[in-house]
Amino acid sequence: MTLVIYGKSVSDKKKIIYALKIIYGISNFRAMYICRDLGFPPEMRIIDLTEEQQLILVKKIKNEYIVESNLIEQIKQNIKVYYNNGSQHGYRLRTGLPTRGQRTHTNGKSARNRLIF
């Protein structure tokens, strides 16, 4: 039986820390923290979890973390704040330029190729 979190099917054969990284917003560090908090060894596989443990894992992720579409929406709202307050950061985001002080004389084109929300 595969584990489904936020509509993403998590492979049974993967270790928990690598399987959780499929979910947008959960990094390697956060996956390790979730395993440690729930008392699962990091090398444990999804297939080794019981039904109760799977429910606890899903409930913890849904209740305590902002992931997937909620996280994407929050990032979009944060970017809109920069757009609307007229800051330099918002201007550079809007025009597709690097926002953190990188050089643009020779390599500004690579920043413009980014996906802008």
PDB file of N, CA and C in Angstrom:
ATOM      1  N   MET A   1       0.847  -1.183   0.000  1.00  0.00           N
ATOM      2  CA  MET A   1       0.000   0.000   0.000  1.00  0.00           C
ATOM      3  C   MET A   1       0.888   1.239   0.000  1.00  0.00           C
ATOM      4  N   THR A   2       0.644   2.130  -0.942  1.00  0.00           N
ATOM      5  CA  THR A   2       1.457   3.340  -1.015  1.00  0.00           C
ATOM      6  C   THR A   2       0.895   4.413  -0.101  1.00  0.00           C
ATOM      7  N   LEU A   3       1.771   5.240   0.373  1.00  0.00           N
ATOM      8  CA  LEU A   3       1.405   6.345   1.242  1.00  0.00           C
ATOM      9  C   LEU A   3       1.145   7.565   0.368  1.00  0.00           C
ATOM     10  N   VAL A   4       0.020   8.250   0.595  1.00  0.00           N
ATOM     11  CA  VAL A   4      -0.333   9.436  -0.184  1.00  0.00           C
ATOM     12  C   VAL A   4      -0.413  10.625   0.760  1.00  0.00           C
ATOM     13  N   ILE A   5       0.400  11.654   0.469  1.00  0.00           N
ATOM     14  CA  ILE A   5       0.400  12.882   1.259  1.00  0.00           C
ATOM     15  C   ILE A   5       0.213  14.043   0.292  1.00  0.00           C
ATOM     16  N   TYR A   6      -0.823  14.835   0.507  1.00  0.00           N
ATOM     17  CA  TYR A   6      -1.133  15.979  -0.357  1.00  0.00           C
ATOM     18  C   TYR A   6      -1.207  15.570  -1.823  1.00  0.00           C
ATOM     19  N   GLY A   7      -1.777  14.405  -2.101  1.00  0.00           N
ATOM     20  CA  GLY A   7      -1.944  13.958  -3.475  1.00  0.00           C
ATOM     21  C   GLY A   7      -0.695  13.389  -4.113  1.00  0.00           C
ATOM     22  N   LYS A   8       0.398  13.324  -3.388  1.00  0.00           N
ATOM     23  CA  LYS A   8       1.645  12.758  -3.917  1.00  0.00           C
ATOM     24  C   LYS A   8       1.786  11.327  -3.407  1.00  0.00           C
ATOM     25  N   SER A   9       1.985  10.390  -4.315  1.00  0.00           N
ATOM     26  CA  SER A   9       2.214   9.002  -3.931  1.00  0.00           C
ATOM     27  C   SER A   9       3.677   8.829  -3.554  1.00  0.00           C
ATOM     28  N   VAL A  10       3.899   8.328  -2.361  1.00  0.00           N
ATOM     29  CA  VAL A  10       5.251   8.124  -1.871  1.00  0.00           C
ATOM     30  C   VAL A  10       5.591   6.648  -2.030  1.00  0.00           C
ATOM     31  N   SER A  11       6.717   6.372  -2.644  1.00  0.00           N
ATOM     32  CA  SER A  11       7.126   5.000  -2.915  1.00  0.00           C
ATOM     33  C   SER A  11       7.361   4.225  -1.621  1.00  0.00           C
ATOM     34  N   ASP A  12       6.916   2.965  -1.611  1.00  0.00           N
ATOM     35  CA  ASP A  12       7.058   2.122  -0.419  1.00  0.00           C
ATOM     36  C   ASP A  12       8.490   1.712  -0.154  1.00  0.00           C
ATOM     37  N   LYS A  13       9.286   1.587  -1.195  1.00  0.00           N
ATOM     38  CA  LYS A  13      10.619   1.032  -1.035  1.00  0.00           C
ATOM     39  C   LYS A  13      11.658   2.054  -0.598  1.00  0.00           C
ATOM     40  N   LYS A  14      11.303   3.321  -0.629  1.00  0.00           N
ATOM     41  CA  LYS A  14      12.264   4.355  -0.257  1.00  0.00           C
ATOM     42  C   LYS A  14      12.351   4.498   1.257  1.00  0.00           C
ATOM     43  N   LYS A  15      13.502   4.992   1.698  1.00  0.00           N
ATOM     44  CA  LYS A  15      13.646   5.325   3.098  1.00  0.00           C
ATOM     45  C   LYS A  15      12.787   6.553   3.393  1.00  0.00           C
ATOM     46  N   ILE A  16      12.368   6.688   4.642  1.00  0.00           N
ATOM     47  CA  ILE A  16      11.432   7.755   5.007  1.00  0.00           C
ATOM     48  C   ILE A  16      11.994   9.131   4.672  1.00  0.00           C
ATOM     49  N   ILE A  17      13.261   9.376   4.996  1.00  0.00           N
ATOM     50  CA  ILE A  17      13.808  10.715   4.779  1.00  0.00           C
ATOM     51  C   ILE A  17      13.842  11.081   3.306  1.00  0.00           C
ATOM     52  N   TYR A  18      14.058  10.106   2.422  1.00  0.00           N
ATOM     53  CA  TYR A  18      14.088  10.406   0.992  1.00  0.00           C
ATOM     54  C   TYR A  18      12.678  10.455   0.406  1.00  0.00           C
ATOM     55  N   ALA A  19      11.776   9.680   0.963  1.00  0.00           N
ATOM     56  CA  ALA A  19      10.402   9.681   0.471  1.00  0.00           C
ATOM     57  C   ALA A  19       9.697  10.996   0.814  1.00  0.00           C
ATOM     58  N   LEU A  20       9.993  11.559   1.968  1.00  0.00           N
ATOM     59  CA  LEU A  20       9.339  12.805   2.378  1.00  0.00           C
ATOM     60  C   LEU A  20       9.808  13.990   1.548  1.00  0.00           C
ATOM     61  N   LYS A  21      11.001  13.888   0.959  1.00  0.00           N
ATOM     62  CA  LYS A  21      11.531  14.993   0.169  1.00  0.00           C
ATOM     63  C   LYS A  21      10.773  15.188  -1.139  1.00  0.00           C
ATOM     64  N   ILE A  22       9.916  14.242  -1.504  1.00  0.00           N
ATOM     65  CA  ILE A  22       9.086  14.391  -2.701  1.00  0.00           C
ATOM     66  C   ILE A  22       8.088  15.538  -2.512  1.00  0.00           C
ATOM     67  N   ILE A  23       7.697  15.769  -1.275  1.00  0.00           N
ATOM     68  CA  ILE A  23       6.711  16.807  -0.966  1.00  0.00           C
ATOM     69  C   ILE A  23       7.390  18.168  -1.026  1.00  0.00           C
ATOM     70  N   TYR A  24       6.790  19.096  -1.773  1.00  0.00           N
ATOM     71  CA  TYR A  24       7.349  20.441  -1.923  1.00  0.00           C
ATOM     72  C   TYR A  24       7.317  21.146  -0.573  1.00  0.00           C
ATOM     73  N   GLY A  25       8.466  21.588  -0.106  1.00  0.00           N
ATOM     74  CA  GLY A  25       8.569  22.287   1.164  1.00  0.00           C
ATOM     75  C   GLY A  25       9.209  21.471   2.264  1.00  0.00           C
ATOM     76  N   ILE A  26       9.494  20.201   2.001  1.00  0.00           N
ATOM     77  CA  ILE A  26      10.180  19.367   2.995  1.00  0.00           C
ATOM     78  C   ILE A  26      11.567  19.054   2.458  1.00  0.00           C
ATOM     79  N   SER A  27      12.555  19.564   3.172  1.00  0.00           N
ATOM     80  CA  SER A  27      13.948  19.351   2.787  1.00  0.00           C
ATOM     81  C   SER A  27      14.512  18.151   3.537  1.00  0.00           C
ATOM     82  N   ASN A  28      15.767  17.863   3.298  1.00  0.00           N
ATOM     83  CA  ASN A  28      16.430  16.755   3.969  1.00  0.00           C
ATOM     84  C   ASN A  28      16.467  17.001   5.480  1.00  0.00           C
ATOM     85  N   PHE A  29      16.786  18.225   5.878  1.00  0.00           N
ATOM     86  CA  PHE A  29      16.852  18.552   7.300  1.00  0.00           C
ATOM     87  C   PHE A  29      15.487  18.396   7.959  1.00  0.00           C
ATOM     88  N   ARG A  30      14.447  18.903   7.302  1.00  0.00           N
ATOM     89  CA  ARG A  30      13.107  18.827   7.877  1.00  0.00           C
ATOM     90  C   ARG A  30      12.626  17.380   7.938  1.00  0.00           C
ATOM     91  N   ALA A  31      12.965  16.559   6.953  1.00  0.00           N
ATOM     92  CA  ALA A  31      12.588  15.148   6.963  1.00  0.00           C
ATOM     93  C   ALA A  31      13.272  14.427   8.129  1.00  0.00           C
ATOM     94  N   MET A  32      14.553  14.740   8.353  1.00  0.00           N
ATOM     95  CA  MET A  32      15.267  14.147   9.499  1.00  0.00           C
ATOM     96  C   MET A  32      14.629  14.583  10.810  1.00  0.00           C
ATOM     97  N   TYR A  33      14.225  15.857  10.897  1.00  0.00           N
ATOM     98  CA  TYR A  33      13.602  16.377  12.107  1.00  0.00           C
ATOM     99  C   TYR A  33      12.265  15.677  12.368  1.00  0.00           C
ATOM    100  N   ILE A  34      11.478  15.460  11.326  1.00  0.00           N
ATOM    101  CA  ILE A  34      10.189  14.779  11.474  1.00  0.00           C
ATOM    102  C   ILE A  34      10.404  13.353  11.969  1.00  0.00           C
ATOM    103  N   CYS A  35      11.373  12.654  11.373  1.00  0.00           N
ATOM    104  CA  CYS A  35      11.666  11.275  11.804  1.00  0.00           C
ATOM    105  C   CYS A  35      12.116  11.233  13.254  1.00  0.00           C
ATOM    106  N   ARG A  36      12.998  12.153  13.619  1.00  0.00           N
ATOM    107  CA  ARG A  36      13.492  12.178  14.996  1.00  0.00           C
ATOM    108  C   ARG A  36      12.364  12.512  15.975  1.00  0.00           C
ATOM    109  N   ASP A  37      11.494  13.437  15.580  1.00  0.00           N
ATOM    110  CA  ASP A  37      10.399  13.848  16.447  1.00  0.00           C
ATOM    111  C   ASP A  37       9.397  12.718  16.662  1.00  0.00           C
ATOM    112  N   LEU A  38       9.150  11.917  15.633  1.00  0.00           N
ATOM    113  CA  LEU A  38       8.207  10.809  15.744  1.00  0.00           C
ATOM    114  C   LEU A  38       8.848   9.520  16.247  1.00  0.00           C
ATOM    115  N   GLY A  39      10.169   9.508  16.354  1.00  0.00           N
ATOM    116  CA  GLY A  39      10.865   8.344  16.874  1.00  0.00           C
ATOM    117  C   GLY A  39      11.131   7.269  15.836  1.00  0.00           C
ATOM    118  N   PHE A  40      11.090   7.629  14.556  1.00  0.00           N
ATOM    119  CA  PHE A  40      11.401   6.673  13.500  1.00  0.00           C
ATOM    120  C   PHE A  40      12.888   6.738  13.202  1.00  0.00           C
ATOM    121  N   PRO A  41      13.549   5.588  13.043  1.00  0.00           N
ATOM    122  CA  PRO A  41      14.936   5.640  12.596  1.00  0.00           C
ATOM    123  C   PRO A  41      14.981   6.122  11.140  1.00  0.00           C
ATOM    124  N   PRO A  42      15.939   6.958  10.765  1.00  0.00           N
ATOM    125  CA  PRO A  42      15.979   7.519   9.414  1.00  0.00           C
ATOM    126  C   PRO A  42      16.145   6.472   8.318  1.00  0.00           C
ATOM    127  N   GLU A  43      16.751   5.333   8.644  1.00  0.00           N
ATOM    128  CA  GLU A  43      16.943   4.310   7.623  1.00  0.00           C
ATOM    129  C   GLU A  43      15.707   3.417   7.445  1.00  0.00           C
ATOM    130  N   MET A  44      14.662   3.664   8.218  1.00  0.00           N
ATOM    131  CA  MET A  44      13.426   2.891   8.097  1.00  0.00           C
ATOM    132  C   MET A  44      12.738   3.200   6.765  1.00  0.00           C
ATOM    133  N   ARG A  45      12.140   2.215   6.177  1.00  0.00           N
ATOM    134  CA  ARG A  45      11.463   2.388   4.896  1.00  0.00           C
ATOM    135  C   ARG A  45       9.957   2.578   5.111  1.00  0.00           C
ATOM    136  N   ILE A  46       9.304   3.154   4.122  1.00  0.00           N
ATOM    137  CA  ILE A  46       7.868   3.428   4.213  1.00  0.00           C
ATOM    138  C   ILE A  46       7.084   2.131   4.377  1.00  0.00           C
ATOM    139  N   ILE A  47       7.516   1.067   3.728  1.00  0.00           N
ATOM    140  CA  ILE A  47       6.798  -0.206   3.801  1.00  0.00           C
ATOM    141  C   ILE A  47       6.843  -0.795   5.212  1.00  0.00           C
ATOM    142  N   ASP A  48       7.847  -0.405   6.007  1.00  0.00           N
ATOM    143  CA  ASP A  48       7.983  -0.919   7.370  1.00  0.00           C
ATOM    144  C   ASP A  48       7.064  -0.209   8.360  1.00  0.00           C
ATOM    145  N   LEU A  49       6.464   0.896   7.958  1.00  0.00           N
ATOM    146  CA  LEU A  49       5.570   1.630   8.850  1.00  0.00           C
ATOM    147  C   LEU A  49       4.228   0.918   8.965  1.00  0.00           C
ATOM    148  N   THR A  50       3.666   0.919  10.162  1.00  0.00           N
ATOM    149  CA  THR A  50       2.317   0.377  10.339  1.00  0.00           C
ATOM    150  C   THR A  50       1.306   1.422   9.889  1.00  0.00           C
ATOM    151  N   GLU A  51       0.052   1.030   9.831  1.00  0.00           N
ATOM    152  CA  GLU A  51      -1.017   1.968   9.435  1.00  0.00           C
ATOM    153  C   GLU A  51      -1.097   3.137  10.408  1.00  0.00           C
ATOM    154  N   GLU A  52      -0.976   2.858  11.705  1.00  0.00           N
ATOM    155  CA  GLU A  52      -1.028   3.929  12.716  1.00  0.00           C
ATOM    156  C   GLU A  52       0.123   4.901  12.538  1.00  0.00           C
ATOM    157  N   GLN A  53       1.316   4.375  12.290  1.00  0.00           N
ATOM    158  CA  GLN A  53       2.481   5.231  12.111  1.00  0.00           C
ATOM    159  C   GLN A  53       2.339   6.086  10.854  1.00  0.00           C
ATOM    160  N   GLN A  54       1.776   5.524   9.796  1.00  0.00           N
ATOM    161  CA  GLN A  54       1.551   6.296   8.583  1.00  0.00           C
ATOM    162  C   GLN A  54       0.566   7.430   8.839  1.00  0.00           C
ATOM    163  N   LEU A  55      -0.509   7.140   9.581  1.00  0.00           N
ATOM    164  CA  LEU A  55      -1.489   8.175   9.905  1.00  0.00           C
ATOM    165  C   LEU A  55      -0.873   9.274  10.762  1.00  0.00           C
ATOM    166  N   ILE A  56      -0.037   8.895  11.719  1.00  0.00           N
ATOM    167  CA  ILE A  56       0.637   9.878  12.573  1.00  0.00           C
ATOM    168  C   ILE A  56       1.563  10.753  11.737  1.00  0.00           C
ATOM    169  N   LEU A  57       2.288  10.144  10.808  1.00  0.00           N
ATOM    170  CA  LEU A  57       3.201  10.880   9.939  1.00  0.00           C
ATOM    171  C   LEU A  57       2.446  11.882   9.064  1.00  0.00           C
ATOM    172  N   VAL A  58       1.362  11.435   8.448  1.00  0.00           N
ATOM    173  CA  VAL A  58       0.574  12.316   7.592  1.00  0.00           C
ATOM    174  C   VAL A  58      -0.048  13.445   8.408  1.00  0.00           C
ATOM    175  N   LYS A  59      -0.565  13.122   9.579  1.00  0.00           N
ATOM    176  CA  LYS A  59      -1.206  14.128  10.425  1.00  0.00           C
ATOM    177  C   LYS A  59      -0.209  15.184  10.890  1.00  0.00           C
ATOM    178  N   LYS A  60       1.008  14.742  11.227  1.00  0.00           N
ATOM    179  CA  LYS A  60       2.035  15.686  11.669  1.00  0.00           C
ATOM    180  C   LYS A  60       2.402  16.653  10.544  1.00  0.00           C
ATOM    181  N   ILE A  61       2.568  16.138   9.336  1.00  0.00           N
ATOM    182  CA  ILE A  61       2.933  16.997   8.207  1.00  0.00           C
ATOM    183  C   ILE A  61       1.807  17.975   7.902  1.00  0.00           C
ATOM    184  N   LYS A  62       0.565  17.497   7.905  1.00  0.00           N
ATOM    185  CA  LYS A  62      -0.561  18.370   7.568  1.00  0.00           C
ATOM    186  C   LYS A  62      -0.830  19.420   8.633  1.00  0.00           C
ATOM    187  N   ASN A  63      -0.595  19.097   9.887  1.00  0.00           N
ATOM    188  CA  ASN A  63      -0.911  20.040  10.970  1.00  0.00           C
ATOM    189  C   ASN A  63       0.211  21.025  11.277  1.00  0.00           C
ATOM    190  N   GLU A  64       1.453  20.614  11.126  1.00  0.00           N
ATOM    191  CA  GLU A  64       2.560  21.435  11.610  1.00  0.00           C
ATOM    192  C   GLU A  64       3.381  22.130  10.529  1.00  0.00           C
ATOM    193  N   TYR A  65       3.226  21.754   9.272  1.00  0.00           N
ATOM    194  CA  TYR A  65       4.079  22.314   8.230  1.00  0.00           C
ATOM    195  C   TYR A  65       3.252  22.904   7.102  1.00  0.00           C
ATOM    196  N   ILE A  66       3.761  23.976   6.529  1.00  0.00           N
ATOM    197  CA  ILE A  66       3.152  24.578   5.354  1.00  0.00           C
ATOM    198  C   ILE A  66       3.883  23.993   4.145  1.00  0.00           C
ATOM    199  N   VAL A  67       3.175  23.200   3.363  1.00  0.00           N
ATOM    200  CA  VAL A  67       3.794  22.526   2.223  1.00  0.00           C
ATOM    201  C   VAL A  67       2.881  22.595   1.006  1.00  0.00           C
ATOM    202  N   GLU A  68       3.434  22.206  -0.138  1.00  0.00           N
ATOM    203  CA  GLU A  68       2.741  22.104  -1.415  1.00  0.00           C
ATOM    204  C   GLU A  68       2.047  23.406  -1.803  1.00  0.00           C
ATOM    205  N   SER A  69       0.772  23.382  -2.126  1.00  0.00           N
ATOM    206  CA  SER A  69       0.083  24.553  -2.683  1.00  0.00           C
ATOM    207  C   SER A  69      -0.012  25.688  -1.670  1.00  0.00           C
ATOM    208  N   ASN A  70      -0.122  25.379  -0.395  1.00  0.00           N
ATOM    209  CA  ASN A  70      -0.172  26.434   0.627  1.00  0.00           C
ATOM    210  C   ASN A  70       1.139  27.218   0.666  1.00  0.00           C
ATOM    211  N   LEU A  71       2.249  26.526   0.547  1.00  0.00           N
ATOM    212  CA  LEU A  71       3.560  27.171   0.553  1.00  0.00           C
ATOM    213  C   LEU A  71       3.761  28.006  -0.703  1.00  0.00           C
ATOM    214  N   ILE A  72       3.349  27.481  -1.841  1.00  0.00           N
ATOM    215  CA  ILE A  72       3.478  28.233  -3.092  1.00  0.00           C
ATOM    216  C   ILE A  72       2.650  29.512  -3.030  1.00  0.00           C
ATOM    217  N   GLU A  73       1.445  29.416  -2.493  1.00  0.00           N
ATOM    218  CA  GLU A  73       0.581  30.595  -2.365  1.00  0.00           C
ATOM    219  C   GLU A  73       1.196  31.626  -1.413  1.00  0.00           C
ATOM    220  N   GLN A  74       1.799  31.168  -0.319  1.00  0.00           N
ATOM    221  CA  GLN A  74       2.444  32.076   0.624  1.00  0.00           C
ATOM    222  C   GLN A  74       3.634  32.783  -0.030  1.00  0.00           C
ATOM    223  N   ILE A  75       4.410  32.070  -0.832  1.00  0.00           N
ATOM    224  CA  ILE A  75       5.545  32.678  -1.526  1.00  0.00           C
ATOM    225  C   ILE A  75       5.057  33.731  -2.516  1.00  0.00           C
ATOM    226  N   LYS A  76       3.984  33.428  -3.242  1.00  0.00           N
ATOM    227  CA  LYS A  76       3.416  34.398  -4.183  1.00  0.00           C
ATOM    228  C   LYS A  76       2.948  35.652  -3.466  1.00  0.00           C
ATOM    229  N   GLN A  77       2.321  35.494  -2.309  1.00  0.00           N
ATOM    230  CA  GLN A  77       1.855  36.653  -1.542  1.00  0.00           C
ATOM    231  C   GLN A  77       3.032  37.483  -1.051  1.00  0.00           C
ATOM    232  N   ASN A  78       4.104  36.841  -0.629  1.00  0.00           N
ATOM    233  CA  ASN A  78       5.282  37.575  -0.181  1.00  0.00           C
ATOM    234  C   ASN A  78       5.896  38.384  -1.314  1.00  0.00           C
ATOM    235  N   ILE A  79       5.920  37.804  -2.518  1.00  0.00           N
ATOM    236  CA  ILE A  79       6.467  38.516  -3.672  1.00  0.00           C
ATOM    237  C   ILE A  79       5.569  39.695  -4.037  1.00  0.00           C
ATOM    238  N   LYS A  80       4.250  39.532  -3.930  1.00  0.00           N
ATOM    239  CA  LYS A  80       3.321  40.631  -4.223  1.00  0.00           C
ATOM    240  C   LYS A  80       3.524  41.798  -3.264  1.00  0.00           C
ATOM    241  N   VAL A  81       3.885  41.511  -2.032  1.00  0.00           N
ATOM    242  CA  VAL A  81       4.168  42.583  -1.070  1.00  0.00           C
ATOM    243  C   VAL A  81       5.327  43.425  -1.562  1.00  0.00           C
ATOM    244  N   TYR A  82       6.370  42.766  -2.072  1.00  0.00           N
ATOM    245  CA  TYR A  82       7.512  43.500  -2.619  1.00  0.00           C
ATOM    246  C   TYR A  82       7.106  44.328  -3.822  1.00  0.00           C
ATOM    247  N   TYR A  83       6.250  43.768  -4.674  1.00  0.00           N
ATOM    248  CA  TYR A  83       5.786  44.514  -5.843  1.00  0.00           C
ATOM    249  C   TYR A  83       5.036  45.772  -5.420  1.00  0.00           C
ATOM    250  N   ASN A  84       4.146  45.622  -4.462  1.00  0.00           N
ATOM    251  CA  ASN A  84       3.231  46.709  -4.106  1.00  0.00           C
ATOM    252  C   ASN A  84       3.854  47.804  -3.254  1.00  0.00           C
ATOM    253  N   ASN A  85       4.886  47.501  -2.481  1.00  0.00           N
ATOM    254  CA  ASN A  85       5.438  48.547  -1.624  1.00  0.00           C
ATOM    255  C   ASN A  85       6.488  49.398  -2.324  1.00  0.00           C
ATOM    256  N   GLY A  86       6.774  49.115  -3.573  1.00  0.00           N
ATOM    257  CA  GLY A  86       7.661  49.961  -4.357  1.00  0.00           C
ATOM    258  C   GLY A  86       9.119  49.857  -3.981  1.00  0.00           C
ATOM    259  N   SER A  87       9.519  48.752  -3.424  1.00  0.00           N
ATOM    260  CA  SER A  87      10.913  48.600  -3.003  1.00  0.00           C
ATOM    261  C   SER A  87      11.800  48.223  -4.185  1.00  0.00           C
ATOM    262  N   GLN A  88      13.091  48.386  -3.987  1.00  0.00           N
ATOM    263  CA  GLN A  88      14.075  48.007  -4.999  1.00  0.00           C
ATOM    264  C   GLN A  88      14.012  46.499  -5.255  1.00  0.00           C
ATOM    265  N   HIS A  89      13.800  45.749  -4.193  1.00  0.00           N
ATOM    266  CA  HIS A  89      13.697  44.296  -4.310  1.00  0.00           C
ATOM    267  C   HIS A  89      12.534  43.917  -5.228  1.00  0.00           C
ATOM    268  N   GLY A  90      11.395  44.585  -5.062  1.00  0.00           N
ATOM    269  CA  GLY A  90      10.235  44.320  -5.907  1.00  0.00           C
ATOM    270  C   GLY A  90      10.468  44.704  -7.353  1.00  0.00           C
ATOM    271  N   TYR A  91      11.156  45.829  -7.568  1.00  0.00           N
ATOM    272  CA  TYR A  91      11.454  46.260  -8.931  1.00  0.00           C
ATOM    273  C   TYR A  91      12.332  45.234  -9.642  1.00  0.00           C
ATOM    274  N   ARG A  92      13.348  44.752  -8.940  1.00  0.00           N
ATOM    275  CA  ARG A  92      14.260  43.799  -9.551  1.00  0.00           C
ATOM    276  C   ARG A  92      13.575  42.444  -9.765  1.00  0.00           C
ATOM    277  N   LEU A  93      12.672  42.058  -8.866  1.00  0.00           N
ATOM    278  CA  LEU A  93      11.896  40.842  -9.087  1.00  0.00           C
ATOM    279  C   LEU A  93      11.017  40.987 -10.323  1.00  0.00           C
ATOM    280  N   ARG A  94      10.369  42.139 -10.452  1.00  0.00           N
ATOM    281  CA  ARG A  94       9.453  42.384 -11.563  1.00  0.00           C
ATOM    282  C   ARG A  94      10.174  42.364 -12.907  1.00  0.00           C
ATOM    283  N   THR A  95      11.380  42.922 -12.939  1.00  0.00           N
ATOM    284  CA  THR A  95      12.120  42.982 -14.194  1.00  0.00           C
ATOM    285  C   THR A  95      12.942  41.722 -14.456  1.00  0.00           C
ATOM    286  N   GLY A  96      12.999  40.821 -13.484  1.00  0.00           N
ATOM    287  CA  GLY A  96      13.708  39.562 -13.687  1.00  0.00           C
ATOM    288  C   GLY A  96      15.198  39.644 -13.456  1.00  0.00           C
ATOM    289  N   LEU A  97      15.649  40.658 -12.746  1.00  0.00           N
ATOM    290  CA  LEU A  97      17.071  40.815 -12.460  1.00  0.00           C
ATOM    291  C   LEU A  97      17.419  40.160 -11.135  1.00  0.00           C
ATOM    292  N   PRO A  98      18.700  39.909 -10.869  1.00  0.00           N
ATOM    293  CA  PRO A  98      19.090  39.345  -9.578  1.00  0.00           C
ATOM    294  C   PRO A  98      18.754  40.321  -8.449  1.00  0.00           C
ATOM    295  N   THR A  99      18.249  39.814  -7.347  1.00  0.00           N
ATOM    296  CA  THR A  99      17.789  40.673  -6.267  1.00  0.00           C
ATOM    297  C   THR A  99      18.750  40.744  -5.090  1.00  0.00           C
ATOM    298  N   ARG A 100      19.778  39.938  -5.076  1.00  0.00           N
ATOM    299  CA  ARG A 100      20.649  39.882  -3.906  1.00  0.00           C
ATOM    300  C   ARG A 100      22.056  40.388  -4.182  1.00  0.00           C
ATOM    301  N   GLY A 101      22.187  41.363  -5.054  1.00  0.00           N
ATOM    302  CA  GLY A 101      23.461  42.027  -5.243  1.00  0.00           C
ATOM    303  C   GLY A 101      24.423  41.355  -6.190  1.00  0.00           C
ATOM    304  N   GLN A 102      23.952  40.423  -6.996  1.00  0.00           N
ATOM    305  CA  GLN A 102      24.859  39.762  -7.917  1.00  0.00           C
ATOM    306  C   GLN A 102      25.235  40.691  -9.072  1.00  0.00           C
ATOM    307  N   ARG A 103      26.304  40.353  -9.724  1.00  0.00           N
ATOM    308  CA  ARG A 103      26.794  41.132 -10.854  1.00  0.00           C
ATOM    309  C   ARG A 103      25.848  40.967 -12.041  1.00  0.00           C
ATOM    310  N   THR A 104      25.559  42.068 -12.737  1.00  0.00           N
ATOM    311  CA  THR A 104      24.671  41.984 -13.892  1.00  0.00           C
ATOM    312  C   THR A 104      25.344  42.410 -15.182  1.00  0.00           C
ATOM    313  N   HIS A 105      26.556  42.921 -15.112  1.00  0.00           N
ATOM    314  CA  HIS A 105      27.232  43.399 -16.318  1.00  0.00           C
ATOM    315  C   HIS A 105      27.431  42.265 -17.324  1.00  0.00           C
ATOM    316  N   THR A 106      27.823  41.089 -16.823  1.00  0.00           N
ATOM    317  CA  THR A 106      28.087  39.990 -17.743  1.00  0.00           C
ATOM    318  C   THR A 106      27.151  38.803 -17.558  1.00  0.00           C
ATOM    319  N   ASN A 107      26.509  38.681 -16.426  1.00  0.00           N
ATOM    320  CA  ASN A 107      25.711  37.469 -16.220  1.00  0.00           C
ATOM    321  C   ASN A 107      24.279  37.756 -15.788  1.00  0.00           C
ATOM    322  N   GLY A 108      23.734  38.879 -16.080  1.00  0.00           N
ATOM    323  CA  GLY A 108      22.355  39.181 -15.716  1.00  0.00           C
ATOM    324  C   GLY A 108      21.346  38.384 -16.518  1.00  0.00           C
ATOM    325  N   LYS A 109      21.752  37.873 -17.668  1.00  0.00           N
ATOM    326  CA  LYS A 109      20.829  37.121 -18.512  1.00  0.00           C
ATOM    327  C   LYS A 109      20.389  35.824 -17.851  1.00  0.00           C
ATOM    328  N   SER A 110      21.281  35.197 -17.090  1.00  0.00           N
ATOM    329  CA  SER A 110      20.920  33.932 -16.462  1.00  0.00           C
ATOM    330  C   SER A 110      19.842  34.135 -15.406  1.00  0.00           C
ATOM    331  N   ALA A 111      19.825  35.269 -14.739  1.00  0.00           N
ATOM    332  CA  ALA A 111      18.796  35.526 -13.749  1.00  0.00           C
ATOM    333  C   ALA A 111      17.447  35.763 -14.410  1.00  0.00           C
ATOM    334  N   ARG A 112      17.449  36.316 -15.621  1.00  0.00           N
ATOM    335  CA  ARG A 112      16.190  36.589 -16.316  1.00  0.00           C
ATOM    336  C   ARG A 112      15.537  35.323 -16.833  1.00  0.00           C
ATOM    337  N   ASN A 113      16.277  34.234 -16.879  1.00  0.00           N
ATOM    338  CA  ASN A 113      15.709  32.977 -17.342  1.00  0.00           C
ATOM    339  C   ASN A 113      14.937  32.248 -16.258  1.00  0.00           C
ATOM    340  N   ARG A 114      14.988  32.743 -15.022  1.00  0.00           N
ATOM    341  CA  ARG A 114      14.291  32.116 -13.912  1.00  0.00           C
ATOM    342  C   ARG A 114      12.784  32.171 -14.117  1.00  0.00           C
ATOM    343  N   LEU A 115      12.102  31.241 -13.473  1.00  0.00           N
ATOM    344  CA  LEU A 115      10.641  31.260 -13.475  1.00  0.00           C
ATOM    345  C   LEU A 115      10.202  32.283 -12.438  1.00  0.00           C
ATOM    346  N   ILE A 116       9.430  33.260 -12.858  1.00  0.00           N
ATOM    347  CA  ILE A 116       8.943  34.279 -11.945  1.00  0.00           C
ATOM    348  C   ILE A 116       7.486  33.977 -11.637  1.00  0.00           C
ATOM    349  N   PHE A 117       7.152  33.938 -10.358  1.00  0.00           N
ATOM    350  CA  PHE A 117       5.791  33.604  -9.949  1.00  0.00           C
ATOM    351  C   PHE A 117       4.868  34.658 -10.424  1.00  0.00           C
TER     352      PHE A 117
END
